[in-house]
């Protein structure tokens, strides 16, 4: 690996670690909102896997894009299918985890911030698949497109920043009590 690509790897790894710590703070800050805490925990688990797999995934050449897309798609499913996943976990009798899942079920609400995060993840999957297609075109034809390849890092940086903003906005709203059980019940009474 040359110095420039190593610098890129280090930059991505440091950003993922920063995001991981921000997510840990989001989990603790959202203690009054089980749904926000569930989303923050899901993202924290996904980012932990990302930190652990990123270096290895880079060595897989074209598979890297597929691995990153699968991670993003799995996280989309965890967020969108949160109610179904929480139902299963609640029924498993896992003590505190099952109680946490029951709290999420009784206070379920999909927020606009979560939808924005899902859209950002979806855009990330599209960029990864486009990069994989472009790579395959370079591999199997004489055409040598480098459009996505050259723009990949800046695009992913923007998507990462947008995802952090969406999660921090969600967490701030949770801290302010927008998604607490009391606020949800007040909103239903009006």
N, C-alpha and C. Protein backbone atom coordinates (compact mmCIF):
# COMPACT_ATOMS: atom_id res chain seq x y z
N UNK A 1 0.84 -1.18 0.00
CA UNK A 1 0.00 0.00 0.00
C UNK A 1 0.88 1.24 0.00
N UNK A 2 0.59 2.18 -0.89
CA UNK A 2 1.39 3.40 -0.90
C UNK A 2 0.94 4.34 0.23
N UNK A 3 1.72 5.39 0.45
CA UNK A 3 1.50 6.31 1.56
C UNK A 3 0.14 7.01 1.45
N UNK A 4 -0.25 7.40 0.23
CA UNK A 4 -1.51 8.10 0.04
C UNK A 4 -2.70 7.22 0.41
N UNK A 5 -2.71 5.97 -0.02
CA UNK A 5 -3.84 5.10 0.31
C UNK A 5 -3.83 4.75 1.79
N UNK A 6 -2.65 4.65 2.40
CA UNK A 6 -2.58 4.40 3.84
C UNK A 6 -3.14 5.59 4.62
N UNK A 7 -2.86 6.81 4.14
CA UNK A 7 -3.40 8.00 4.78
C UNK A 7 -4.93 8.00 4.71
N UNK A 8 -5.47 7.57 3.57
CA UNK A 8 -6.91 7.48 3.40
C UNK A 8 -7.51 6.46 4.36
N UNK A 9 -6.87 5.31 4.50
CA UNK A 9 -7.33 4.28 5.43
C UNK A 9 -7.31 4.82 6.85
N UNK A 10 -6.22 5.48 7.24
CA UNK A 10 -6.11 6.02 8.58
C UNK A 10 -7.18 7.08 8.82
N UNK A 11 -7.44 7.93 7.83
CA UNK A 11 -8.46 8.97 7.94
C UNK A 11 -9.84 8.34 8.17
N UNK A 12 -10.19 7.34 7.38
CA UNK A 12 -11.48 6.67 7.53
C UNK A 12 -11.59 5.96 8.88
N UNK A 13 -10.50 5.32 9.27
CA UNK A 13 -10.51 4.60 10.55
C UNK A 13 -10.68 5.58 11.72
N UNK A 14 -9.98 6.71 11.67
CA UNK A 14 -10.11 7.71 12.74
C UNK A 14 -11.52 8.31 12.76
N UNK A 15 -12.09 8.54 11.58
CA UNK A 15 -13.46 9.07 11.53
C UNK A 15 -14.44 8.06 12.13
N UNK A 16 -14.28 6.79 11.80
CA UNK A 16 -15.16 5.76 12.35
C UNK A 16 -15.05 5.68 13.87
N UNK A 17 -13.85 5.82 14.38
CA UNK A 17 -13.66 5.79 15.84
C UNK A 17 -14.32 7.01 16.48
N UNK A 18 -14.18 8.19 15.87
CA UNK A 18 -14.84 9.39 16.38
C UNK A 18 -16.36 9.20 16.38
N UNK A 19 -16.90 8.67 15.30
CA UNK A 19 -18.34 8.43 15.21
C UNK A 19 -18.76 7.41 16.27
N UNK A 20 -17.93 6.40 16.49
CA UNK A 20 -18.24 5.38 17.49
C UNK A 20 -18.38 6.02 18.87
N UNK A 21 -17.45 6.90 19.25
CA UNK A 21 -17.54 7.58 20.54
C UNK A 21 -18.77 8.49 20.60
N UNK A 22 -19.07 9.16 19.51
CA UNK A 22 -20.27 10.01 19.47
C UNK A 22 -21.53 9.16 19.65
N UNK A 23 -21.54 7.96 19.09
CA UNK A 23 -22.69 7.07 19.25
C UNK A 23 -22.81 6.56 20.68
N UNK A 24 -21.69 6.29 21.33
CA UNK A 24 -21.73 5.89 22.74
C UNK A 24 -22.39 7.00 23.56
N UNK A 25 -21.99 8.25 23.29
CA UNK A 25 -22.60 9.38 23.98
C UNK A 25 -24.10 9.46 23.64
N UNK A 26 -24.47 9.21 22.41
CA UNK A 26 -25.88 9.25 22.00
C UNK A 26 -26.70 8.20 22.74
N UNK A 27 -26.12 7.01 22.93
CA UNK A 27 -26.83 5.95 23.66
C UNK A 27 -27.13 6.41 25.09
N UNK A 28 -26.14 6.99 25.75
CA UNK A 28 -26.35 7.44 27.13
C UNK A 28 -27.25 8.68 27.19
N UNK A 29 -27.11 9.58 26.24
CA UNK A 29 -27.90 10.81 26.25
C UNK A 29 -29.37 10.54 25.98
N UNK A 30 -29.68 9.47 25.27
CA UNK A 30 -31.07 9.17 24.89
C UNK A 30 -31.75 8.22 25.87
N UNK A 31 -31.32 8.22 27.10
CA UNK A 31 -31.84 7.27 28.09
C UNK A 31 -33.34 7.38 28.32
N UNK A 32 -33.95 8.54 28.07
CA UNK A 32 -35.39 8.72 28.28
C UNK A 32 -36.23 8.36 27.07
N UNK A 33 -35.58 7.97 26.00
CA UNK A 33 -36.30 7.59 24.78
C UNK A 33 -35.83 6.21 24.31
N UNK A 34 -36.61 5.17 24.64
CA UNK A 34 -36.20 3.82 24.24
C UNK A 34 -35.99 3.66 22.73
N UNK A 35 -36.81 4.33 21.93
CA UNK A 35 -36.67 4.20 20.47
C UNK A 35 -35.38 4.80 19.96
N UNK A 36 -35.05 5.98 20.45
CA UNK A 36 -33.80 6.62 20.02
C UNK A 36 -32.62 5.80 20.51
N UNK A 37 -32.72 5.29 21.72
CA UNK A 37 -31.64 4.45 22.26
C UNK A 37 -31.49 3.18 21.42
N UNK A 38 -32.61 2.59 20.99
CA UNK A 38 -32.55 1.39 20.15
C UNK A 38 -31.84 1.70 18.83
N UNK A 39 -32.22 2.81 18.21
CA UNK A 39 -31.59 3.21 16.94
C UNK A 39 -30.10 3.47 17.16
N UNK A 40 -29.76 4.22 18.22
CA UNK A 40 -28.35 4.52 18.51
C UNK A 40 -27.57 3.24 18.79
N UNK A 41 -28.17 2.30 19.52
CA UNK A 41 -27.48 1.02 19.78
C UNK A 41 -27.28 0.22 18.49
N UNK A 42 -28.29 0.22 17.62
CA UNK A 42 -28.18 -0.48 16.34
C UNK A 42 -27.04 0.10 15.51
N UNK A 43 -26.98 1.42 15.45
CA UNK A 43 -25.93 2.08 14.67
C UNK A 43 -24.57 1.84 15.33
N UNK A 44 -24.53 1.85 16.66
CA UNK A 44 -23.28 1.59 17.38
C UNK A 44 -22.76 0.19 17.07
N UNK A 45 -23.64 -0.79 17.06
CA UNK A 45 -23.25 -2.16 16.73
C UNK A 45 -22.73 -2.22 15.28
N UNK A 46 -23.43 -1.55 14.36
CA UNK A 46 -23.00 -1.55 12.96
C UNK A 46 -21.65 -0.86 12.79
N UNK A 47 -21.44 0.25 13.46
CA UNK A 47 -20.15 0.96 13.36
C UNK A 47 -19.03 0.17 14.02
N UNK A 48 -19.34 -0.58 15.08
CA UNK A 48 -18.33 -1.44 15.69
C UNK A 48 -17.89 -2.50 14.68
N UNK A 49 -18.86 -3.10 14.02
CA UNK A 49 -18.53 -4.08 12.98
C UNK A 49 -17.72 -3.43 11.86
N UNK A 50 -18.09 -2.20 11.50
CA UNK A 50 -17.37 -1.47 10.45
C UNK A 50 -15.92 -1.24 10.85
N UNK A 51 -15.70 -0.81 12.08
CA UNK A 51 -14.33 -0.56 12.56
C UNK A 51 -13.52 -1.86 12.53
N UNK A 52 -14.15 -2.95 12.94
CA UNK A 52 -13.44 -4.23 12.99
C UNK A 52 -13.18 -4.82 11.61
N UNK A 53 -14.09 -4.59 10.66
CA UNK A 53 -13.98 -5.21 9.34
C UNK A 53 -13.34 -4.33 8.28
N UNK A 54 -13.25 -3.03 8.49
CA UNK A 54 -12.83 -2.11 7.44
C UNK A 54 -11.45 -2.45 6.86
N UNK A 55 -10.47 -2.64 7.71
CA UNK A 55 -9.12 -2.95 7.23
C UNK A 55 -9.08 -4.23 6.42
N UNK A 56 -9.75 -5.26 6.92
CA UNK A 56 -9.81 -6.52 6.19
C UNK A 56 -10.58 -6.36 4.88
N UNK A 57 -11.71 -5.63 4.92
CA UNK A 57 -12.53 -5.46 3.72
C UNK A 57 -11.75 -4.78 2.60
N UNK A 58 -10.84 -3.87 2.95
CA UNK A 58 -10.03 -3.20 1.93
C UNK A 58 -9.14 -4.19 1.17
N UNK A 59 -8.77 -5.27 1.81
CA UNK A 59 -7.89 -6.26 1.16
C UNK A 59 -8.65 -7.19 0.22
N UNK A 60 -9.98 -7.10 0.21
CA UNK A 60 -10.79 -8.01 -0.60
C UNK A 60 -11.05 -7.49 -2.01
N UNK A 61 -10.41 -6.39 -2.36
CA UNK A 61 -10.54 -5.75 -3.67
C UNK A 61 -12.00 -5.38 -3.96
N UNK A 62 -12.59 -5.92 -4.99
CA UNK A 62 -13.95 -5.56 -5.38
C UNK A 62 -15.01 -5.95 -4.37
N UNK A 63 -14.73 -6.96 -3.58
CA UNK A 63 -15.69 -7.39 -2.56
C UNK A 63 -15.91 -6.30 -1.50
N UNK A 64 -14.95 -5.38 -1.38
CA UNK A 64 -15.07 -4.29 -0.40
C UNK A 64 -16.40 -3.56 -0.56
N UNK A 65 -16.75 -3.22 -1.78
CA UNK A 65 -17.97 -2.46 -2.04
C UNK A 65 -19.22 -3.26 -1.65
N UNK A 66 -19.17 -4.55 -1.92
CA UNK A 66 -20.29 -5.42 -1.56
C UNK A 66 -20.40 -5.57 -0.04
N UNK A 67 -19.27 -5.73 0.64
CA UNK A 67 -19.26 -5.85 2.10
C UNK A 67 -19.84 -4.59 2.74
N UNK A 68 -19.41 -3.42 2.27
CA UNK A 68 -19.91 -2.16 2.82
C UNK A 68 -21.41 -2.00 2.54
N UNK A 69 -21.84 -2.43 1.35
CA UNK A 69 -23.26 -2.34 1.00
C UNK A 69 -24.11 -3.26 1.88
N UNK A 70 -23.63 -4.46 2.13
CA UNK A 70 -24.36 -5.39 3.00
C UNK A 70 -24.48 -4.83 4.41
N UNK A 71 -23.39 -4.24 4.91
CA UNK A 71 -23.46 -3.61 6.24
C UNK A 71 -24.50 -2.50 6.27
N UNK A 72 -24.49 -1.64 5.28
CA UNK A 72 -25.46 -0.54 5.23
C UNK A 72 -26.89 -1.06 5.09
N UNK A 73 -27.08 -2.06 4.24
CA UNK A 73 -28.42 -2.63 4.04
C UNK A 73 -28.93 -3.30 5.32
N UNK A 74 -28.04 -3.99 6.03
CA UNK A 74 -28.44 -4.62 7.29
C UNK A 74 -28.87 -3.57 8.31
N UNK A 75 -28.16 -2.46 8.36
CA UNK A 75 -28.52 -1.39 9.28
C UNK A 75 -29.86 -0.75 8.88
N UNK A 76 -30.08 -0.60 7.59
CA UNK A 76 -31.38 -0.08 7.12
C UNK A 76 -32.49 -1.00 7.62
N UNK A 77 -32.30 -2.30 7.46
CA UNK A 77 -33.32 -3.25 7.92
C UNK A 77 -33.52 -3.19 9.43
N UNK A 78 -32.43 -3.05 10.19
CA UNK A 78 -32.56 -2.95 11.65
C UNK A 78 -33.38 -1.73 12.06
N UNK A 79 -33.24 -0.65 11.32
CA UNK A 79 -33.98 0.57 11.65
C UNK A 79 -35.43 0.47 11.18
N UNK A 80 -35.61 0.09 9.92
CA UNK A 80 -36.96 0.06 9.35
C UNK A 80 -37.81 -1.05 9.98
N UNK A 81 -37.21 -2.17 10.26
CA UNK A 81 -37.93 -3.31 10.85
C UNK A 81 -37.74 -3.38 12.38
N UNK A 82 -37.46 -2.24 12.99
CA UNK A 82 -37.22 -2.18 14.43
C UNK A 82 -38.36 -2.79 15.24
N UNK A 83 -39.59 -2.51 14.86
CA UNK A 83 -40.74 -3.02 15.60
C UNK A 83 -40.75 -4.55 15.59
N UNK A 84 -40.52 -5.15 14.42
CA UNK A 84 -40.50 -6.61 14.31
C UNK A 84 -39.34 -7.22 15.10
N UNK A 85 -38.16 -6.60 14.99
CA UNK A 85 -36.99 -7.10 15.72
C UNK A 85 -37.21 -6.98 17.22
N UNK A 86 -37.76 -5.85 17.65
CA UNK A 86 -38.03 -5.65 19.08
C UNK A 86 -39.06 -6.66 19.58
N UNK A 87 -40.04 -7.00 18.76
CA UNK A 87 -41.03 -8.00 19.15
C UNK A 87 -40.38 -9.35 19.40
N UNK A 88 -39.48 -9.74 18.52
CA UNK A 88 -38.77 -11.01 18.68
C UNK A 88 -37.91 -10.99 19.94
N UNK A 89 -37.14 -9.92 20.14
CA UNK A 89 -36.26 -9.82 21.30
C UNK A 89 -37.08 -9.78 22.59
N UNK A 90 -38.20 -9.09 22.58
CA UNK A 90 -39.05 -9.01 23.77
C UNK A 90 -39.57 -10.39 24.17
N UNK A 91 -39.83 -11.25 23.20
CA UNK A 91 -40.34 -12.59 23.47
C UNK A 91 -39.29 -13.60 23.88
N UNK A 92 -38.02 -13.23 23.83
CA UNK A 92 -36.94 -14.18 24.14
C UNK A 92 -36.61 -14.31 25.62
N UNK A 93 -37.16 -13.45 26.44
CA UNK A 93 -36.91 -13.45 27.89
C UNK A 93 -35.42 -13.36 28.20
N UNK A 94 -34.83 -12.26 27.74
CA UNK A 94 -33.40 -12.01 27.95
C UNK A 94 -33.16 -10.94 29.03
N UNK A 95 -34.05 -10.86 29.97
CA UNK A 95 -33.88 -9.93 31.09
C UNK A 95 -33.99 -8.48 30.66
N UNK A 96 -32.93 -7.71 30.94
CA UNK A 96 -32.92 -6.28 30.67
C UNK A 96 -33.09 -5.98 29.18
N UNK A 97 -32.50 -6.79 28.34
CA UNK A 97 -32.61 -6.58 26.89
C UNK A 97 -34.06 -6.75 26.43
N UNK A 98 -34.74 -7.78 26.95
CA UNK A 98 -36.14 -7.98 26.59
C UNK A 98 -37.03 -6.85 27.11
N UNK A 99 -36.73 -6.35 28.31
CA UNK A 99 -37.50 -5.23 28.85
C UNK A 99 -37.27 -3.98 27.99
N UNK A 100 -36.04 -3.77 27.59
CA UNK A 100 -35.71 -2.65 26.70
C UNK A 100 -36.50 -2.76 25.40
N UNK A 101 -36.58 -3.95 24.84
CA UNK A 101 -37.35 -4.18 23.61
C UNK A 101 -38.84 -3.91 23.84
N UNK A 102 -39.37 -4.32 24.99
CA UNK A 102 -40.78 -4.05 25.31
C UNK A 102 -41.03 -2.55 25.41
N UNK A 103 -40.10 -1.82 26.02
CA UNK A 103 -40.23 -0.36 26.09
C UNK A 103 -40.27 0.25 24.70
N UNK A 104 -39.45 -0.27 23.80
CA UNK A 104 -39.45 0.23 22.42
C UNK A 104 -40.78 -0.06 21.73
N UNK A 105 -41.35 -1.23 22.01
CA UNK A 105 -42.63 -1.59 21.40
C UNK A 105 -43.76 -0.70 21.88
N UNK A 106 -43.73 -0.37 23.17
CA UNK A 106 -44.83 0.43 23.71
C UNK A 106 -44.71 1.91 23.34
N UNK A 107 -43.54 2.31 22.88
CA UNK A 107 -43.30 3.72 22.57
C UNK A 107 -42.74 3.87 21.16
N UNK A 108 -43.22 3.03 20.23
CA UNK A 108 -42.66 3.00 18.88
C UNK A 108 -43.10 4.22 18.09
N UNK A 109 -42.11 4.87 17.47
CA UNK A 109 -42.37 5.99 16.57
C UNK A 109 -41.19 6.14 15.62
N UNK A 110 -41.46 6.12 14.32
CA UNK A 110 -40.42 6.37 13.32
C UNK A 110 -40.32 7.88 13.17
N UNK A 111 -39.11 8.40 13.27
CA UNK A 111 -38.91 9.84 13.22
C UNK A 111 -38.36 10.28 11.86
N UNK A 112 -38.50 11.55 11.58
CA UNK A 112 -37.97 12.09 10.32
C UNK A 112 -36.44 11.99 10.28
N UNK A 113 -35.79 12.10 11.45
CA UNK A 113 -34.33 11.96 11.49
C UNK A 113 -33.90 10.55 11.11
N UNK A 114 -34.66 9.56 11.56
CA UNK A 114 -34.35 8.18 11.20
C UNK A 114 -34.53 7.96 9.70
N UNK A 115 -35.59 8.53 9.16
CA UNK A 115 -35.82 8.40 7.72
C UNK A 115 -34.70 9.05 6.92
N UNK A 116 -34.21 10.19 7.41
CA UNK A 116 -33.07 10.84 6.75
C UNK A 116 -31.84 9.93 6.82
N UNK A 117 -31.62 9.32 7.96
CA UNK A 117 -30.48 8.41 8.11
C UNK A 117 -30.61 7.22 7.15
N UNK A 118 -31.81 6.68 7.03
CA UNK A 118 -32.05 5.57 6.11
C UNK A 118 -31.79 6.01 4.67
N UNK A 119 -32.19 7.22 4.30
CA UNK A 119 -31.92 7.73 2.96
C UNK A 119 -30.42 7.88 2.71
N UNK A 120 -29.68 8.35 3.72
CA UNK A 120 -28.23 8.48 3.59
C UNK A 120 -27.60 7.10 3.40
N UNK A 121 -28.05 6.13 4.20
CA UNK A 121 -27.53 4.76 4.05
C UNK A 121 -27.87 4.19 2.66
N UNK A 122 -29.07 4.49 2.19
CA UNK A 122 -29.47 4.02 0.85
C UNK A 122 -28.58 4.63 -0.22
N UNK A 123 -28.28 5.92 -0.08
CA UNK A 123 -27.37 6.57 -1.03
C UNK A 123 -25.99 5.92 -0.97
N UNK A 124 -25.56 5.55 0.22
CA UNK A 124 -24.27 4.88 0.38
C UNK A 124 -24.25 3.54 -0.36
N UNK A 125 -25.33 2.80 -0.26
CA UNK A 125 -25.43 1.52 -0.98
C UNK A 125 -25.35 1.76 -2.49
N UNK A 126 -26.06 2.78 -2.97
CA UNK A 126 -26.05 3.09 -4.40
C UNK A 126 -24.63 3.45 -4.86
N UNK A 127 -23.93 4.26 -4.08
CA UNK A 127 -22.55 4.65 -4.43
C UNK A 127 -21.65 3.42 -4.44
N UNK A 128 -21.79 2.54 -3.45
CA UNK A 128 -20.97 1.33 -3.39
C UNK A 128 -21.22 0.42 -4.59
N UNK A 129 -22.49 0.23 -4.94
CA UNK A 129 -22.83 -0.62 -6.09
C UNK A 129 -22.33 0.01 -7.39
N UNK A 130 -22.47 1.33 -7.51
CA UNK A 130 -21.95 2.02 -8.70
C UNK A 130 -20.44 1.86 -8.80
N UNK A 131 -19.74 1.94 -7.67
CA UNK A 131 -18.28 1.76 -7.67
C UNK A 131 -17.92 0.33 -8.06
N UNK A 132 -18.70 -0.62 -7.59
CA UNK A 132 -18.45 -2.03 -7.94
C UNK A 132 -18.67 -2.25 -9.44
N UNK A 133 -19.74 -1.69 -9.97
CA UNK A 133 -20.02 -1.84 -11.41
C UNK A 133 -18.90 -1.19 -12.23
N UNK A 134 -18.49 0.01 -11.82
CA UNK A 134 -17.40 0.69 -12.52
C UNK A 134 -16.12 -0.14 -12.48
N UNK A 135 -15.83 -0.74 -11.32
CA UNK A 135 -14.63 -1.59 -11.18
C UNK A 135 -14.71 -2.79 -12.12
N UNK A 136 -15.88 -3.41 -12.19
CA UNK A 136 -16.05 -4.57 -13.06
C UNK A 136 -15.90 -4.19 -14.53
N UNK A 137 -16.39 -3.02 -14.90
CA UNK A 137 -16.20 -2.54 -16.28
C UNK A 137 -14.71 -2.40 -16.58
N UNK A 138 -13.96 -1.84 -15.62
CA UNK A 138 -12.50 -1.70 -15.82
C UNK A 138 -11.83 -3.06 -15.92
N UNK A 139 -12.30 -4.02 -15.15
CA UNK A 139 -11.69 -5.35 -15.11
C UNK A 139 -11.93 -6.14 -16.40
N UNK A 140 -13.14 -6.03 -16.95
CA UNK A 140 -13.53 -6.93 -18.02
C UNK A 140 -13.66 -6.28 -19.40
N UNK A 141 -13.37 -4.99 -19.48
CA UNK A 141 -13.38 -4.33 -20.78
C UNK A 141 -12.13 -3.46 -20.90
N UNK A 142 -11.96 -2.89 -22.05
CA UNK A 142 -10.83 -1.98 -22.25
C UNK A 142 -11.19 -0.55 -21.85
N UNK A 143 -12.47 -0.32 -21.59
CA UNK A 143 -12.92 0.99 -21.12
C UNK A 143 -12.45 1.16 -19.67
N UNK A 144 -11.95 2.34 -19.35
CA UNK A 144 -11.36 2.55 -18.03
C UNK A 144 -12.01 3.73 -17.29
N UNK A 145 -13.30 3.59 -16.96
CA UNK A 145 -13.96 4.71 -16.26
C UNK A 145 -13.42 4.85 -14.84
N UNK A 146 -13.22 6.08 -14.41
CA UNK A 146 -12.73 6.35 -13.05
C UNK A 146 -13.59 7.40 -12.35
N UNK A 147 -14.82 7.58 -12.81
CA UNK A 147 -15.69 8.63 -12.28
C UNK A 147 -16.00 8.38 -10.80
N UNK A 148 -16.56 7.23 -10.49
CA UNK A 148 -16.92 6.91 -9.10
C UNK A 148 -15.66 6.70 -8.27
N UNK A 149 -14.68 6.03 -8.85
CA UNK A 149 -13.44 5.76 -8.13
C UNK A 149 -12.80 7.06 -7.64
N UNK A 150 -12.73 8.06 -8.50
CA UNK A 150 -12.11 9.33 -8.12
C UNK A 150 -12.96 10.14 -7.14
N UNK A 151 -14.26 9.96 -7.19
CA UNK A 151 -15.16 10.73 -6.32
C UNK A 151 -15.59 9.95 -5.08
N UNK A 152 -15.16 8.69 -4.95
CA UNK A 152 -15.66 7.82 -3.89
C UNK A 152 -15.40 8.39 -2.48
N UNK A 153 -14.17 8.74 -2.19
CA UNK A 153 -13.85 9.25 -0.85
C UNK A 153 -14.62 10.52 -0.50
N UNK A 154 -14.65 11.54 -1.38
CA UNK A 154 -15.43 12.74 -1.03
C UNK A 154 -16.93 12.46 -0.87
N UNK A 155 -17.48 11.60 -1.73
CA UNK A 155 -18.91 11.27 -1.61
C UNK A 155 -19.18 10.58 -0.28
N UNK A 156 -18.34 9.60 0.06
CA UNK A 156 -18.54 8.88 1.31
C UNK A 156 -18.33 9.80 2.52
N UNK A 157 -17.43 10.76 2.42
CA UNK A 157 -17.23 11.72 3.51
C UNK A 157 -18.50 12.55 3.72
N UNK A 158 -19.08 13.04 2.64
CA UNK A 158 -20.31 13.83 2.74
C UNK A 158 -21.44 12.97 3.32
N UNK A 159 -21.58 11.74 2.85
CA UNK A 159 -22.62 10.85 3.38
C UNK A 159 -22.40 10.56 4.87
N UNK A 160 -21.15 10.39 5.26
CA UNK A 160 -20.84 10.15 6.67
C UNK A 160 -21.20 11.36 7.52
N UNK A 161 -20.85 12.54 7.04
CA UNK A 161 -21.19 13.77 7.78
C UNK A 161 -22.70 13.96 7.88
N UNK A 162 -23.42 13.67 6.81
CA UNK A 162 -24.88 13.76 6.85
C UNK A 162 -25.48 12.76 7.84
N UNK A 163 -24.91 11.56 7.87
CA UNK A 163 -25.43 10.56 8.81
C UNK A 163 -25.16 10.97 10.25
N UNK A 164 -23.99 11.55 10.51
CA UNK A 164 -23.68 12.02 11.86
C UNK A 164 -24.64 13.14 12.25
N UNK A 165 -24.90 14.06 11.33
CA UNK A 165 -25.84 15.15 11.62
C UNK A 165 -27.24 14.61 11.93
N UNK A 166 -27.69 13.62 11.17
CA UNK A 166 -29.01 13.04 11.41
C UNK A 166 -29.09 12.38 12.78
N UNK A 167 -28.05 11.65 13.15
CA UNK A 167 -28.05 10.96 14.45
C UNK A 167 -27.93 11.96 15.59
N UNK A 168 -27.08 12.97 15.43
CA UNK A 168 -26.95 13.98 16.48
C UNK A 168 -28.26 14.77 16.63
N UNK A 169 -28.93 15.05 15.53
CA UNK A 169 -30.22 15.74 15.59
C UNK A 169 -31.25 14.87 16.31
N UNK A 170 -31.27 13.60 16.00
CA UNK A 170 -32.16 12.66 16.67
C UNK A 170 -31.88 12.62 18.17
N UNK A 171 -30.60 12.58 18.53
CA UNK A 171 -30.21 12.52 19.93
C UNK A 171 -30.57 13.81 20.66
N UNK A 172 -30.32 14.94 20.03
CA UNK A 172 -30.67 16.24 20.65
C UNK A 172 -32.17 16.31 20.88
N UNK A 173 -32.96 15.87 19.91
CA UNK A 173 -34.41 15.86 20.08
C UNK A 173 -34.82 14.94 21.23
N UNK A 174 -34.13 13.81 21.36
CA UNK A 174 -34.43 12.88 22.46
C UNK A 174 -34.08 13.50 23.81
N UNK A 175 -32.93 14.15 23.88
CA UNK A 175 -32.52 14.81 25.12
C UNK A 175 -33.51 15.91 25.49
N UNK A 176 -34.02 16.62 24.50
CA UNK A 176 -34.99 17.68 24.75
C UNK A 176 -36.37 17.12 25.10
N UNK A 177 -36.52 15.80 25.01
CA UNK A 177 -37.77 15.16 25.41
C UNK A 177 -38.80 15.00 24.32
N UNK A 178 -38.43 15.24 23.05
CA UNK A 178 -39.40 15.14 21.97
C UNK A 178 -39.91 13.72 21.77
N UNK A 179 -39.10 12.72 22.10
CA UNK A 179 -39.49 11.34 21.86
C UNK A 179 -39.67 10.56 23.15
N UNK A 180 -39.77 11.26 24.28
CA UNK A 180 -39.99 10.55 25.54
C UNK A 180 -41.43 10.09 25.61
N UNK A 181 -41.70 9.14 26.47
CA UNK A 181 -43.03 8.55 26.58
C UNK A 181 -44.06 9.62 26.94
N UNK A 182 -43.71 10.56 27.83
CA UNK A 182 -44.63 11.60 28.24
C UNK A 182 -45.02 12.49 27.07
N UNK A 183 -44.06 12.88 26.23
CA UNK A 183 -44.34 13.74 25.08
C UNK A 183 -45.23 13.02 24.07
N UNK A 184 -44.98 11.72 23.86
CA UNK A 184 -45.78 10.97 22.91
C UNK A 184 -47.22 10.90 23.41
N UNK A 185 -47.42 10.64 24.72
CA UNK A 185 -48.77 10.56 25.26
C UNK A 185 -49.45 11.92 25.20
N UNK A 186 -48.73 13.02 25.49
CA UNK A 186 -49.30 14.36 25.37
C UNK A 186 -49.75 14.65 23.95
N UNK A 187 -48.96 14.26 22.98
CA UNK A 187 -49.29 14.48 21.58
C UNK A 187 -50.51 13.69 21.15
N UNK A 188 -50.73 12.51 21.73
CA UNK A 188 -51.88 11.70 21.37
C UNK A 188 -53.16 12.26 22.00
N UNK A 189 -53.06 12.93 23.15
CA UNK A 189 -54.22 13.50 23.82
C UNK A 189 -54.73 14.75 23.11
N UNK A 190 -53.87 15.47 22.43
CA UNK A 190 -54.29 16.73 21.80
C UNK A 190 -55.07 16.53 20.55
